Full PDB file with SEQRES, HELIX, SHEET, SSBOND, CRYST1, ORIGX, SCALE, CONECT and MASTER records, all heavy atoms in Angstrom:
SEQRES   1 A   46  PHE PRO ASP ASP ALA HIS VAL PRO ARG ASN GLY ARG ILE          
SEQRES   2 A   46  LYS CYS GLY THR GLU SER ASN GLY GLY PHE ARG ASN ILE          
SEQRES   3 A   46  THR ILE THR GLY ASN VAL ILE GLU GLY CYS LYS GLY ILE          
SEQRES   4 A   46  SER LEU GLU THR SER ASP GLY                                  
SHEET    1 AA1 2 ILE A  13  CYS A  15  0                                        
SHEET    2 AA1 2 ILE A  39  LEU A  41  1                                        
CRYST1    1.000    1.000    1.000  90.00  90.00  90.00 P 1           1          
ORIGX1      1.000000  0.000000  0.000000        0.00000                         
ORIGX2      0.000000  1.000000  0.000000        0.00000                         
ORIGX3      0.000000  0.000000  1.000000        0.00000                         
SCALE1      1.000000  0.000000  0.000000        0.00000                         
SCALE2      0.000000  1.000000  0.000000        0.00000                         
SCALE3      0.000000  0.000000  1.000000        0.00000                         
ATOM      1  N   PHE A   1       3.204 -19.469  28.528  1.00  0.00           N  
ATOM      2  CA  PHE A   1       3.859 -20.713  28.041  1.00  0.00           C  
ATOM      3  C   PHE A   1       4.811 -21.195  29.050  1.00  0.00           C  
ATOM      4  O   PHE A   1       5.495 -20.393  29.729  1.00  0.00           O  
ATOM      5  CB  PHE A   1       4.574 -20.472  26.712  1.00  0.00           C  
ATOM      6  CG  PHE A   1       3.702 -20.172  25.532  1.00  0.00           C  
ATOM      7  CD1 PHE A   1       3.552 -18.828  25.013  1.00  0.00           C  
ATOM      8  CD2 PHE A   1       2.946 -21.146  24.938  1.00  0.00           C  
ATOM      9  CE1 PHE A   1       2.814 -18.606  23.912  1.00  0.00           C  
ATOM     10  CE2 PHE A   1       2.158 -20.887  23.824  1.00  0.00           C  
ATOM     11  CZ  PHE A   1       2.010 -19.627  23.363  1.00  0.00           C  
ATOM     12  N   PRO A   2       5.030 -22.524  29.150  1.00  0.00           N  
ATOM     13  CA  PRO A   2       6.140 -23.047  29.977  1.00  0.00           C  
ATOM     14  C   PRO A   2       7.423 -22.499  29.476  1.00  0.00           C  
ATOM     15  O   PRO A   2       7.636 -22.248  28.343  1.00  0.00           O  
ATOM     16  CB  PRO A   2       5.990 -24.547  29.780  1.00  0.00           C  
ATOM     17  CG  PRO A   2       4.603 -24.785  29.346  1.00  0.00           C  
ATOM     18  CD  PRO A   2       4.263 -23.590  28.536  1.00  0.00           C  
ATOM     19  N   ASP A   3       8.460 -22.458  30.347  1.00  0.00           N  
ATOM     20  CA  ASP A   3       9.758 -21.939  29.964  1.00  0.00           C  
ATOM     21  C   ASP A   3      10.401 -22.747  28.843  1.00  0.00           C  
ATOM     22  O   ASP A   3      11.199 -22.161  28.018  1.00  0.00           O  
ATOM     23  CB  ASP A   3      10.688 -21.914  31.144  1.00  0.00           C  
ATOM     24  CG  ASP A   3      10.267 -20.896  32.209  1.00  0.00           C  
ATOM     25  OD1 ASP A   3       9.527 -19.971  31.853  1.00  0.00           O  
ATOM     26  OD2 ASP A   3      10.706 -21.036  33.392  1.00  0.00           O  
ATOM     27  N   ASP A   4      10.131 -24.032  28.747  1.00  0.00           N  
ATOM     28  CA  ASP A   4      10.741 -24.872  27.731  1.00  0.00           C  
ATOM     29  C   ASP A   4       9.876 -25.041  26.482  1.00  0.00           C  
ATOM     30  O   ASP A   4      10.197 -25.886  25.626  1.00  0.00           O  
ATOM     31  CB  ASP A   4      11.094 -26.267  28.332  1.00  0.00           C  
ATOM     32  CG  ASP A   4       9.880 -26.960  28.850  1.00  0.00           C  
ATOM     33  OD1 ASP A   4       8.760 -26.412  28.885  1.00  0.00           O  
ATOM     34  OD2 ASP A   4      10.016 -28.216  29.225  1.00  0.00           O  
ATOM     35  N   ALA A   5       8.785 -24.267  26.351  1.00  0.00           N  
ATOM     36  CA  ALA A   5       7.957 -24.412  25.173  1.00  0.00           C  
ATOM     37  C   ALA A   5       8.735 -23.878  23.941  1.00  0.00           C  
ATOM     38  O   ALA A   5       9.343 -22.828  23.955  1.00  0.00           O  
ATOM     39  CB  ALA A   5       6.655 -23.550  25.359  1.00  0.00           C  
ATOM     40  N   HIS A   6       8.553 -24.628  22.796  1.00  0.00           N  
ATOM     41  CA  HIS A   6       9.296 -24.271  21.583  1.00  0.00           C  
ATOM     42  C   HIS A   6       8.366 -23.247  20.842  1.00  0.00           C  
ATOM     43  O   HIS A   6       7.769 -23.565  19.777  1.00  0.00           O  
ATOM     44  CB  HIS A   6       9.534 -25.483  20.768  1.00  0.00           C  
ATOM     45  CG  HIS A   6      10.566 -26.400  21.272  1.00  0.00           C  
ATOM     46  ND1 HIS A   6      11.294 -27.293  20.570  1.00  0.00           N  
ATOM     47  CD2 HIS A   6      11.140 -26.424  22.578  1.00  0.00           C  
ATOM     48  CE1 HIS A   6      12.159 -27.906  21.316  1.00  0.00           C  
ATOM     49  NE2 HIS A   6      12.085 -27.348  22.503  1.00  0.00           N  
ATOM     50  N   VAL A   7       8.332 -22.058  21.354  1.00  0.00           N  
ATOM     51  CA  VAL A   7       7.524 -20.979  20.761  1.00  0.00           C  
ATOM     52  C   VAL A   7       8.426 -19.806  20.531  1.00  0.00           C  
ATOM     53  O   VAL A   7       9.181 -19.380  21.488  1.00  0.00           O  
ATOM     54  CB  VAL A   7       6.369 -20.556  21.702  1.00  0.00           C  
ATOM     55  CG1 VAL A   7       5.566 -19.423  21.119  1.00  0.00           C  
ATOM     56  CG2 VAL A   7       5.454 -21.738  21.923  1.00  0.00           C  
ATOM     57  N   PRO A   8       8.506 -19.194  19.346  1.00  0.00           N  
ATOM     58  CA  PRO A   8       9.532 -18.122  19.172  1.00  0.00           C  
ATOM     59  C   PRO A   8       9.243 -16.837  19.945  1.00  0.00           C  
ATOM     60  O   PRO A   8      10.191 -16.093  20.166  1.00  0.00           O  
ATOM     61  CB  PRO A   8       9.344 -17.796  17.646  1.00  0.00           C  
ATOM     62  CG  PRO A   8       7.967 -18.359  17.265  1.00  0.00           C  
ATOM     63  CD  PRO A   8       7.710 -19.504  18.177  1.00  0.00           C  
ATOM     64  N   ARG A   9       8.011 -16.660  20.378  1.00  0.00           N  
ATOM     65  CA  ARG A   9       7.669 -15.475  21.261  1.00  0.00           C  
ATOM     66  C   ARG A   9       8.096 -14.150  20.600  1.00  0.00           C  
ATOM     67  O   ARG A   9       8.674 -13.309  21.244  1.00  0.00           O  
ATOM     68  CB  ARG A   9       8.311 -15.657  22.649  1.00  0.00           C  
ATOM     69  CG  ARG A   9       7.996 -16.978  23.304  1.00  0.00           C  
ATOM     70  CD  ARG A   9       8.474 -17.089  24.721  1.00  0.00           C  
ATOM     71  NE  ARG A   9       8.486 -18.505  25.089  1.00  0.00           N  
ATOM     72  CZ  ARG A   9       8.368 -18.925  26.346  1.00  0.00           C  
ATOM     73  NH1 ARG A   9       8.174 -18.084  27.312  1.00  0.00           N  
ATOM     74  NH2 ARG A   9       8.449 -20.235  26.596  1.00  0.00           N  
ATOM     75  N   ASN A  10       7.757 -14.043  19.333  1.00  0.00           N  
ATOM     76  CA  ASN A  10       8.096 -12.817  18.549  1.00  0.00           C  
ATOM     77  C   ASN A  10       7.481 -11.581  19.208  1.00  0.00           C  
ATOM     78  O   ASN A  10       8.129 -10.797  19.912  1.00  0.00           O  
ATOM     79  CB  ASN A  10       7.682 -12.942  17.112  1.00  0.00           C  
ATOM     80  CG  ASN A  10       8.656 -13.770  16.358  1.00  0.00           C  
ATOM     81  OD1 ASN A  10       9.390 -14.575  16.952  1.00  0.00           O  
ATOM     82  ND2 ASN A  10       8.689 -13.608  15.024  1.00  0.00           N  
ATOM     83  N   GLY A  11       6.216 -11.322  18.860  1.00  0.00           N  
ATOM     84  CA  GLY A  11       5.470 -10.292  19.584  1.00  0.00           C  
ATOM     85  C   GLY A  11       5.969  -8.894  19.605  1.00  0.00           C  
ATOM     86  O   GLY A  11       5.485  -8.037  20.346  1.00  0.00           O  
ATOM     87  N   ARG A  12       6.867  -8.534  18.709  1.00  0.00           N  
ATOM     88  CA  ARG A  12       7.558  -7.259  18.800  1.00  0.00           C  
ATOM     89  C   ARG A  12       6.873  -6.199  18.015  1.00  0.00           C  
ATOM     90  O   ARG A  12       5.886  -6.357  17.226  1.00  0.00           O  
ATOM     91  CB  ARG A  12       8.966  -7.391  18.322  1.00  0.00           C  
ATOM     92  CG  ARG A  12       9.074  -7.757  16.881  1.00  0.00           C  
ATOM     93  CD  ARG A  12      10.440  -8.197  16.456  1.00  0.00           C  
ATOM     94  NE  ARG A  12      10.283  -9.030  15.336  1.00  0.00           N  
ATOM     95  CZ  ARG A  12      11.327  -9.872  14.845  1.00  0.00           C  
ATOM     96  NH1 ARG A  12      12.469  -9.884  15.442  1.00  0.00           N  
ATOM     97  NH2 ARG A  12      11.163 -10.547  13.762  1.00  0.00           N  
ATOM     98  N   ILE A  13       7.423  -4.954  18.030  1.00  0.00           N  
ATOM     99  CA  ILE A  13       7.107  -3.849  17.219  1.00  0.00           C  
ATOM    100  C   ILE A  13       8.302  -3.703  16.217  1.00  0.00           C  
ATOM    101  O   ILE A  13       9.433  -3.595  16.672  1.00  0.00           O  
ATOM    102  CB  ILE A  13       6.922  -2.527  17.998  1.00  0.00           C  
ATOM    103  CG1 ILE A  13       5.785  -2.619  19.009  1.00  0.00           C  
ATOM    104  CG2 ILE A  13       6.685  -1.335  17.060  1.00  0.00           C  
ATOM    105  CD1 ILE A  13       5.585  -1.495  19.945  1.00  0.00           C  
ATOM    106  N   LYS A  14       7.950  -3.795  14.949  1.00  0.00           N  
ATOM    107  CA  LYS A  14       9.034  -3.872  13.905  1.00  0.00           C  
ATOM    108  C   LYS A  14       8.693  -3.067  12.715  1.00  0.00           C  
ATOM    109  O   LYS A  14       7.620  -3.258  12.135  1.00  0.00           O  
ATOM    110  CB  LYS A  14       9.302  -5.291  13.572  1.00  0.00           C  
ATOM    111  CG  LYS A  14      10.464  -5.477  12.543  1.00  0.00           C  
ATOM    112  CD  LYS A  14      10.715  -6.897  12.216  1.00  0.00           C  
ATOM    113  CE  LYS A  14       9.717  -7.549  11.304  1.00  0.00           C  
ATOM    114  NZ  LYS A  14      10.097  -8.849  10.797  1.00  0.00           N  
ATOM    115  N   CYS A  15       9.628  -2.210  12.248  1.00  0.00           N  
ATOM    116  CA  CYS A  15       9.545  -1.641  10.908  1.00  0.00           C  
ATOM    117  C   CYS A  15      10.329  -2.547   9.996  1.00  0.00           C  
ATOM    118  O   CYS A  15      11.577  -2.649  10.138  1.00  0.00           O  
ATOM    119  CB  CYS A  15      10.157  -0.210  10.929  1.00  0.00           C  
ATOM    120  SG  CYS A  15       9.152   1.053  11.780  1.00  0.00           S  
ATOM    121  N   GLY A  16       9.705  -3.126   9.016  1.00  0.00           N  
ATOM    122  CA  GLY A  16      10.259  -4.076   8.157  1.00  0.00           C  
ATOM    123  C   GLY A  16       9.574  -5.462   8.337  1.00  0.00           C  
ATOM    124  O   GLY A  16       8.568  -5.465   8.976  1.00  0.00           O  
ATOM    125  N   THR A  17       9.996  -6.537   7.720  1.00  0.00           N  
ATOM    126  CA  THR A  17      11.228  -6.592   6.988  1.00  0.00           C  
ATOM    127  C   THR A  17      10.980  -6.047   5.491  1.00  0.00           C  
ATOM    128  O   THR A  17      11.957  -5.469   4.897  1.00  0.00           O  
ATOM    129  CB  THR A  17      11.715  -8.040   6.898  1.00  0.00           C  
ATOM    130  OG1 THR A  17      12.011  -8.469   8.201  1.00  0.00           O  
ATOM    131  CG2 THR A  17      12.962  -8.187   6.050  1.00  0.00           C  
ATOM    132  N   GLU A  18       9.803  -6.260   4.922  1.00  0.00           N  
ATOM    133  CA  GLU A  18       9.504  -5.692   3.669  1.00  0.00           C  
ATOM    134  C   GLU A  18       9.837  -4.223   3.723  1.00  0.00           C  
ATOM    135  O   GLU A  18       9.243  -3.457   4.493  1.00  0.00           O  
ATOM    136  CB  GLU A  18       8.083  -5.947   3.215  1.00  0.00           C  
ATOM    137  CG  GLU A  18       7.789  -7.340   2.789  1.00  0.00           C  
ATOM    138  CD  GLU A  18       7.650  -8.351   3.883  1.00  0.00           C  
ATOM    139  OE1 GLU A  18       7.701  -7.881   5.006  1.00  0.00           O  
ATOM    140  OE2 GLU A  18       7.515  -9.514   3.598  1.00  0.00           O  
ATOM    141  N   SER A  19      10.766  -3.706   2.836  1.00  0.00           N  
ATOM    142  CA  SER A  19      11.271  -2.363   3.063  1.00  0.00           C  
ATOM    143  C   SER A  19      11.759  -1.751   1.696  1.00  0.00           C  
ATOM    144  O   SER A  19      12.949  -1.481   1.538  1.00  0.00           O  
ATOM    145  CB  SER A  19      12.378  -2.302   4.054  1.00  0.00           C  
ATOM    146  OG  SER A  19      13.348  -3.317   3.763  1.00  0.00           O  
ATOM    147  N   ASN A  20      10.794  -1.624   0.774  1.00  0.00           N  
ATOM    148  CA  ASN A  20      11.183  -1.026  -0.535  1.00  0.00           C  
ATOM    149  C   ASN A  20      11.019   0.491  -0.554  1.00  0.00           C  
ATOM    150  O   ASN A  20      11.874   1.140  -1.111  1.00  0.00           O  
ATOM    151  CB  ASN A  20      10.287  -1.680  -1.647  1.00  0.00           C  
ATOM    152  CG  ASN A  20      10.621  -3.073  -1.897  1.00  0.00           C  
ATOM    153  OD1 ASN A  20      11.550  -3.369  -2.619  1.00  0.00           O  
ATOM    154  ND2 ASN A  20       9.862  -4.024  -1.287  1.00  0.00           N  
ATOM    155  N   GLY A  21       9.925   0.978  -0.027  1.00  0.00           N  
ATOM    156  CA  GLY A  21       9.653   2.410  -0.145  1.00  0.00           C  
ATOM    157  C   GLY A  21      10.385   3.143   1.004  1.00  0.00           C  
ATOM    158  O   GLY A  21      11.300   3.976   0.737  1.00  0.00           O  
ATOM    159  N   GLY A  22       9.971   2.941   2.261  1.00  0.00           N  
ATOM    160  CA  GLY A  22      10.603   3.563   3.362  1.00  0.00           C  
ATOM    161  C   GLY A  22       9.718   3.742   4.560  1.00  0.00           C  
ATOM    162  O   GLY A  22       8.547   3.452   4.522  1.00  0.00           O  
ATOM    163  N   PHE A  23      10.335   4.295   5.569  1.00  0.00           N  
ATOM    164  CA  PHE A  23       9.610   4.591   6.850  1.00  0.00           C  
ATOM    165  C   PHE A  23      10.041   6.018   7.294  1.00  0.00           C  
ATOM    166  O   PHE A  23      11.236   6.242   7.519  1.00  0.00           O  
ATOM    167  CB  PHE A  23       9.966   3.626   7.915  1.00  0.00           C  
ATOM    168  CG  PHE A  23       9.748   2.183   7.461  1.00  0.00           C  
ATOM    169  CD1 PHE A  23      10.817   1.370   7.066  1.00  0.00           C  
ATOM    170  CD2 PHE A  23       8.497   1.568   7.493  1.00  0.00           C  
ATOM    171  CE1 PHE A  23      10.666   0.121   6.647  1.00  0.00           C  
ATOM    172  CE2 PHE A  23       8.355   0.286   7.091  1.00  0.00           C  
ATOM    173  CZ  PHE A  23       9.424  -0.477   6.702  1.00  0.00           C  
ATOM    174  N   ARG A  24       9.119   6.925   7.276  1.00  0.00           N  
ATOM    175  CA  ARG A  24       9.510   8.310   7.615  1.00  0.00           C  
ATOM    176  C   ARG A  24       8.516   8.849   8.593  1.00  0.00           C  
ATOM    177  O   ARG A  24       7.341   8.641   8.509  1.00  0.00           O  
ATOM    178  CB  ARG A  24       9.474   9.181   6.317  1.00  0.00           C  
ATOM    179  CG  ARG A  24      10.447   8.686   5.252  1.00  0.00           C  
ATOM    180  CD  ARG A  24      10.461   9.520   3.983  1.00  0.00           C  
ATOM    181  NE  ARG A  24       9.118   9.609   3.461  1.00  0.00           N  
ATOM    182  CZ  ARG A  24       8.858  10.210   2.301  1.00  0.00           C  
ATOM    183  NH1 ARG A  24       9.793  10.726   1.579  1.00  0.00           N  
ATOM    184  NH2 ARG A  24       7.611  10.255   1.808  1.00  0.00           N  
ATOM    185  N   ASN A  25       9.121   9.597   9.597  1.00  0.00           N  
ATOM    186  CA  ASN A  25       8.249  10.249  10.608  1.00  0.00           C  
ATOM    187  C   ASN A  25       7.444   9.178  11.393  1.00  0.00           C  
ATOM    188  O   ASN A  25       6.259   9.145  11.264  1.00  0.00           O  
ATOM    189  CB  ASN A  25       7.288  11.282  10.002  1.00  0.00           C  
ATOM    190  CG  ASN A  25       8.032  12.418   9.324  1.00  0.00           C  
ATOM    191  OD1 ASN A  25       9.247  12.581   9.559  1.00  0.00           O  
ATOM    192  ND2 ASN A  25       7.338  13.214   8.505  1.00  0.00           N  
ATOM    193  N   ILE A  26       8.209   8.346  12.063  1.00  0.00           N  
ATOM    194  CA  ILE A  26       7.560   7.237  12.871  1.00  0.00           C  
ATOM    195  C   ILE A  26       7.839   7.537  14.350  1.00  0.00           C  
ATOM    196  O   ILE A  26       9.029   7.764  14.754  1.00  0.00           O  
ATOM    197  CB  ILE A  26       8.158   5.859  12.496  1.00  0.00           C  
ATOM    198  CG1 ILE A  26       8.173   5.668  10.952  1.00  0.00           C  
ATOM    199  CG2 ILE A  26       7.448   4.774  13.212  1.00  0.00           C  
ATOM    200  CD1 ILE A  26       6.773   5.536  10.335  1.00  0.00           C  
ATOM    201  N   THR A  27       6.820   7.469  15.155  1.00  0.00           N  
ATOM    202  CA  THR A  27       6.974   7.639  16.600  1.00  0.00           C  
ATOM    203  C   THR A  27       6.426   6.380  17.345  1.00  0.00           C  
ATOM    204  O   THR A  27       5.288   5.964  17.104  1.00  0.00           O  
ATOM    205  CB  THR A  27       6.188   8.891  17.126  1.00  0.00           C  
ATOM    206  OG1 THR A  27       6.733  10.037  16.606  1.00  0.00           O  
ATOM    207  CG2 THR A  27       6.227   8.930  18.652  1.00  0.00           C  
ATOM    208  N   ILE A  28       7.311   5.809  18.158  1.00  0.00           N  
ATOM    209  CA  ILE A  28       6.964   4.613  18.924  1.00  0.00           C  
ATOM    210  C   ILE A  28       7.124   5.006  20.378  1.00  0.00           C  
ATOM    211  O   ILE A  28       8.268   5.147  20.848  1.00  0.00           O  
ATOM    212  CB  ILE A  28       7.860   3.400  18.498  1.00  0.00           C  
ATOM    213  CG1 ILE A  28       7.735   3.143  17.009  1.00  0.00           C  
ATOM    214  CG2 ILE A  28       7.516   2.222  19.333  1.00  0.00           C  
ATOM    215  CD1 ILE A  28       8.752   2.153  16.521  1.00  0.00           C  
ATOM    216  N   THR A  29       5.992   5.177  21.080  1.00  0.00           N  
ATOM    217  CA  THR A  29       6.133   5.804  22.383  1.00  0.00           C  
ATOM    218  C   THR A  29       5.141   5.191  23.402  1.00  0.00           C  
ATOM    219  O   THR A  29       4.008   4.816  23.040  1.00  0.00           O  
ATOM    220  CB  THR A  29       5.884   7.352  22.293  1.00  0.00           C  
ATOM    221  OG1 THR A  29       6.078   7.940  23.523  1.00  0.00           O  
ATOM    222  CG2 THR A  29       4.438   7.631  21.816  1.00  0.00           C  
ATOM    223  N   GLY A  30       5.560   5.058  24.589  1.00  0.00           N  
ATOM    224  CA  GLY A  30       4.701   4.669  25.718  1.00  0.00           C  
ATOM    225  C   GLY A  30       4.148   3.262  25.666  1.00  0.00           C  
ATOM    226  O   GLY A  30       3.153   2.980  26.266  1.00  0.00           O  
ATOM    227  N   ASN A  31       4.869   2.363  24.937  1.00  0.00           N  
ATOM    228  CA  ASN A  31       4.461   0.949  24.886  1.00  0.00           C  
ATOM    229  C   ASN A  31       5.035   0.092  25.926  1.00  0.00           C  
ATOM    230  O   ASN A  31       6.173   0.328  26.381  1.00  0.00           O  
ATOM    231  CB  ASN A  31       4.800   0.494  23.465  1.00  0.00           C  
ATOM    232  CG  ASN A  31       4.167   1.291  22.373  1.00  0.00           C  
ATOM    233  OD1 ASN A  31       2.985   1.199  22.121  1.00  0.00           O  
ATOM    234  ND2 ASN A  31       4.954   2.095  21.702  1.00  0.00           N  
ATOM    235  N   VAL A  32       4.327  -0.949  26.300  1.00  0.00           N  
ATOM    236  CA  VAL A  32       4.822  -1.979  27.231  1.00  0.00           C  
ATOM    237  C   VAL A  32       4.985  -3.252  26.463  1.00  0.00           C  
ATOM    238  O   VAL A  32       4.128  -3.765  25.779  1.00  0.00           O  
ATOM    239  CB  VAL A  32       3.797  -2.222  28.316  1.00  0.00           C  
ATOM    240  CG1 VAL A  32       4.235  -3.303  29.232  1.00  0.00           C  
ATOM    241  CG2 VAL A  32       3.551  -0.927  29.146  1.00  0.00           C  
ATOM    242  N   ILE A  33       6.236  -3.779  26.531  1.00  0.00           N  
ATOM    243  CA  ILE A  33       6.661  -4.913  25.680  1.00  0.00           C  
ATOM    244  C   ILE A  33       7.109  -6.028  26.585  1.00  0.00           C  
ATOM    245  O   ILE A  33       8.084  -5.826  27.371  1.00  0.00           O  
ATOM    246  CB  ILE A  33       7.778  -4.479  24.703  1.00  0.00           C  
ATOM    247  CG1 ILE A  33       7.190  -3.342  23.818  1.00  0.00           C  
ATOM    248  CG2 ILE A  33       8.270  -5.618  23.913  1.00  0.00           C  
ATOM    249  CD1 ILE A  33       8.279  -2.635  23.022  1.00  0.00           C  
ATOM    250  N   GLU A  34       6.474  -7.171  26.577  1.00  0.00           N  
ATOM    251  CA  GLU A  34       6.686  -8.218  27.598  1.00  0.00           C  
ATOM    252  C   GLU A  34       6.837  -9.577  26.995  1.00  0.00           C  
ATOM    253  O   GLU A  34       6.050  -9.996  26.149  1.00  0.00           O  
ATOM    254  CB  GLU A  34       5.499  -8.224  28.594  1.00  0.00           C  
ATOM    255  CG  GLU A  34       5.691  -9.247  29.698  1.00  0.00           C  
ATOM    256  CD  GLU A  34       4.455  -9.410  30.577  1.00  0.00           C  
ATOM    257  OE1 GLU A  34       3.341  -9.310  30.079  1.00  0.00           O  
ATOM    258  OE2 GLU A  34       4.595  -9.633  31.774  1.00  0.00           O  
ATOM    259  N   GLY A  35       7.858 -10.337  27.408  1.00  0.00           N  
ATOM    260  CA  GLY A  35       8.005 -11.715  27.052  1.00  0.00           C  
ATOM    261  C   GLY A  35       8.046 -11.976  25.580  1.00  0.00           C  
ATOM    262  O   GLY A  35       7.496 -12.985  25.091  1.00  0.00           O  
ATOM    263  N   CYS A  36       8.793 -11.163  24.872  1.00  0.00           N  
ATOM    264  CA  CYS A  36       8.813 -11.276  23.396  1.00  0.00           C  
ATOM    265  C   CYS A  36      10.155 -10.614  22.909  1.00  0.00           C  
ATOM    266  O   CYS A  36      11.017 -10.270  23.712  1.00  0.00           O  
ATOM    267  CB  CYS A  36       7.634 -10.660  22.714  1.00  0.00           C  
ATOM    268  SG  CYS A  36       7.430  -8.897  23.096  1.00  0.00           S  
ATOM    269  N   LYS A  37      10.276 -10.408  21.567  1.00  0.00           N  
ATOM    270  CA  LYS A  37      11.349  -9.654  21.117  1.00  0.00           C  
ATOM    271  C   LYS A  37      11.016  -8.182  21.262  1.00  0.00           C  
ATOM    272  O   LYS A  37       9.973  -7.750  21.663  1.00  0.00           O  
ATOM    273  CB  LYS A  37      11.528 -10.008  19.625  1.00  0.00           C  
ATOM    274  CG  LYS A  37      11.942 -11.455  19.468  1.00  0.00           C  
ATOM    275  CD  LYS A  37      12.222 -11.893  18.041  1.00  0.00           C  
ATOM    276  CE  LYS A  37      12.592 -13.327  17.974  1.00  0.00           C  
ATOM    277  NZ  LYS A  37      12.914 -13.818  16.632  1.00  0.00           N  
ATOM    278  N   GLY A  38      12.022  -7.296  21.019  1.00  0.00           N  
ATOM    279  CA  GLY A  38      11.900  -5.916  21.395  1.00  0.00           C  
ATOM    280  C   GLY A  38      11.356  -5.051  20.196  1.00  0.00           C  
ATOM    281  O   GLY A  38      10.388  -5.357  19.574  1.00  0.00           O  
ATOM    282  N   ILE A  39      12.064  -3.926  19.970  1.00  0.00           N  
ATOM    283  CA  ILE A  39      11.741  -3.014  18.871  1.00  0.00           C  
ATOM    284  C   ILE A  39      12.815  -3.116  17.838  1.00  0.00           C  
ATOM    285  O   ILE A  39      14.000  -3.085  18.108  1.00  0.00           O  
ATOM    286  CB  ILE A  39      11.614  -1.607  19.411  1.00  0.00           C  
ATOM    287  CG1 ILE A  39      10.377  -1.440  20.310  1.00  0.00           C  
ATOM    288  CG2 ILE A  39      11.557  -0.534  18.244  1.00  0.00           C  
ATOM    289  CD1 ILE A  39      10.181  -0.072  20.940  1.00  0.00           C  
ATOM    290  N   SER A  40      12.367  -3.271  16.567  1.00  0.00           N  
ATOM    291  CA  SER A  40      13.304  -3.455  15.452  1.00  0.00           C  
ATOM    292  C   SER A  40      13.008  -2.391  14.354  1.00  0.00           C  
ATOM    293  O   SER A  40      11.882  -2.147  14.034  1.00  0.00           O  
ATOM    294  CB  SER A  40      13.201  -4.826  14.842  1.00  0.00           C  
ATOM    295  OG  SER A  40      13.535  -5.860  15.728  1.00  0.00           O  
ATOM    296  N   LEU A  41      14.084  -1.775  13.886  1.00  0.00           N  
ATOM    297  CA  LEU A  41      14.053  -0.927  12.697  1.00  0.00           C  
ATOM    298  C   LEU A  41      14.851  -1.581  11.646  1.00  0.00           C  
ATOM    299  O   LEU A  41      16.150  -1.687  11.836  1.00  0.00           O  
ATOM    300  CB  LEU A  41      14.530   0.511  13.040  1.00  0.00           C  
ATOM    301  CG  LEU A  41      13.891   1.217  14.211  1.00  0.00           C  
ATOM    302  CD1 LEU A  41      14.564   2.593  14.432  1.00  0.00           C  
ATOM    303  CD2 LEU A  41      12.402   1.408  13.966  1.00  0.00           C  
ATOM    304  N   GLU A  42      14.263  -2.030  10.552  1.00  0.00           N  
ATOM    305  CA  GLU A  42      15.022  -2.828   9.521  1.00  0.00           C  
ATOM    306  C   GLU A  42      14.771  -2.217   8.166  1.00  0.00           C  
ATOM    307  O   GLU A  42      13.637  -2.106   7.762  1.00  0.00           O  
ATOM    308  CB  GLU A  42      14.542  -4.287   9.610  1.00  0.00           C  
ATOM    309  CG  GLU A  42      14.706  -4.930  10.945  1.00  0.00           C  
ATOM    310  CD  GLU A  42      14.091  -6.302  11.036  1.00  0.00           C  
ATOM    311  OE1 GLU A  42      13.637  -6.803   9.962  1.00  0.00           O  
ATOM    312  OE2 GLU A  42      14.099  -6.906  12.123  1.00  0.00           O  
ATOM    313  N   THR A  43      15.869  -1.972   7.419  1.00  0.00           N  
ATOM    314  CA  THR A  43      15.731  -1.574   6.057  1.00  0.00           C  
ATOM    315  C   THR A  43      16.708  -2.413   5.276  1.00  0.00           C  
ATOM    316  O   THR A  43      17.919  -2.348   5.467  1.00  0.00           O  
ATOM    317  CB  THR A  43      16.038  -0.034   5.856  1.00  0.00           C  
ATOM    318  OG1 THR A  43      16.146   0.218   4.434  1.00  0.00           O  
ATOM    319  CG2 THR A  43      17.269   0.428   6.581  1.00  0.00           C  
ATOM    320  N   SER A  44      16.151  -3.313   4.485  1.00  0.00           N  
ATOM    321  CA  SER A  44      16.888  -4.290   3.810  1.00  0.00           C  
ATOM    322  C   SER A  44      16.772  -4.292   2.294  1.00  0.00           C  
ATOM    323  O   SER A  44      17.519  -4.914   1.531  1.00  0.00           O  
ATOM    324  CB  SER A  44      16.538  -5.769   4.265  1.00  0.00           C  
ATOM    325  OG  SER A  44      16.786  -5.849   5.653  1.00  0.00           O  
ATOM    326  N   ASP A  45      15.730  -3.590   1.783  1.00  0.00           N  
ATOM    327  CA  ASP A  45      15.370  -3.543   0.370  1.00  0.00           C  
ATOM    328  C   ASP A  45      15.443  -2.168  -0.270  1.00  0.00           C  
ATOM    329  O   ASP A  45      14.720  -1.888  -1.179  1.00  0.00           O  
ATOM    330  CB  ASP A  45      13.992  -4.155   0.165  1.00  0.00           C  
ATOM    331  CG  ASP A  45      13.863  -5.531   0.850  1.00  0.00           C  
ATOM    332  OD1 ASP A  45      14.770  -6.345   0.671  1.00  0.00           O  
ATOM    333  OD2 ASP A  45      12.852  -5.797   1.550  1.00  0.00           O  
ATOM    334  N   GLY A  46      16.328  -1.372   0.277  1.00  0.00           N  
ATOM    335  CA  GLY A  46      16.502  -0.013  -0.314  1.00  0.00           C  
ATOM    336  C   GLY A  46      15.570   1.059   0.294  1.00  0.00           C  
ATOM    337  O   GLY A  46      15.487   2.150  -0.250  1.00  0.00           O  
TER     338      GLY A  46                                                      
MASTER        0    0    0    0    2    0    0    6  337    1    0    4          
END                                                                             
């Protein structure tokens, strides 16, 4: 995309946002993340 393109460029690895039960024993390893958001761990719903 051009630098001025109105694109959110999300593209990330994310736990959440829906987060009622949980996330347990998660391994995020050896990934290449480019031109987007990063890694998110989110718990908002208990």
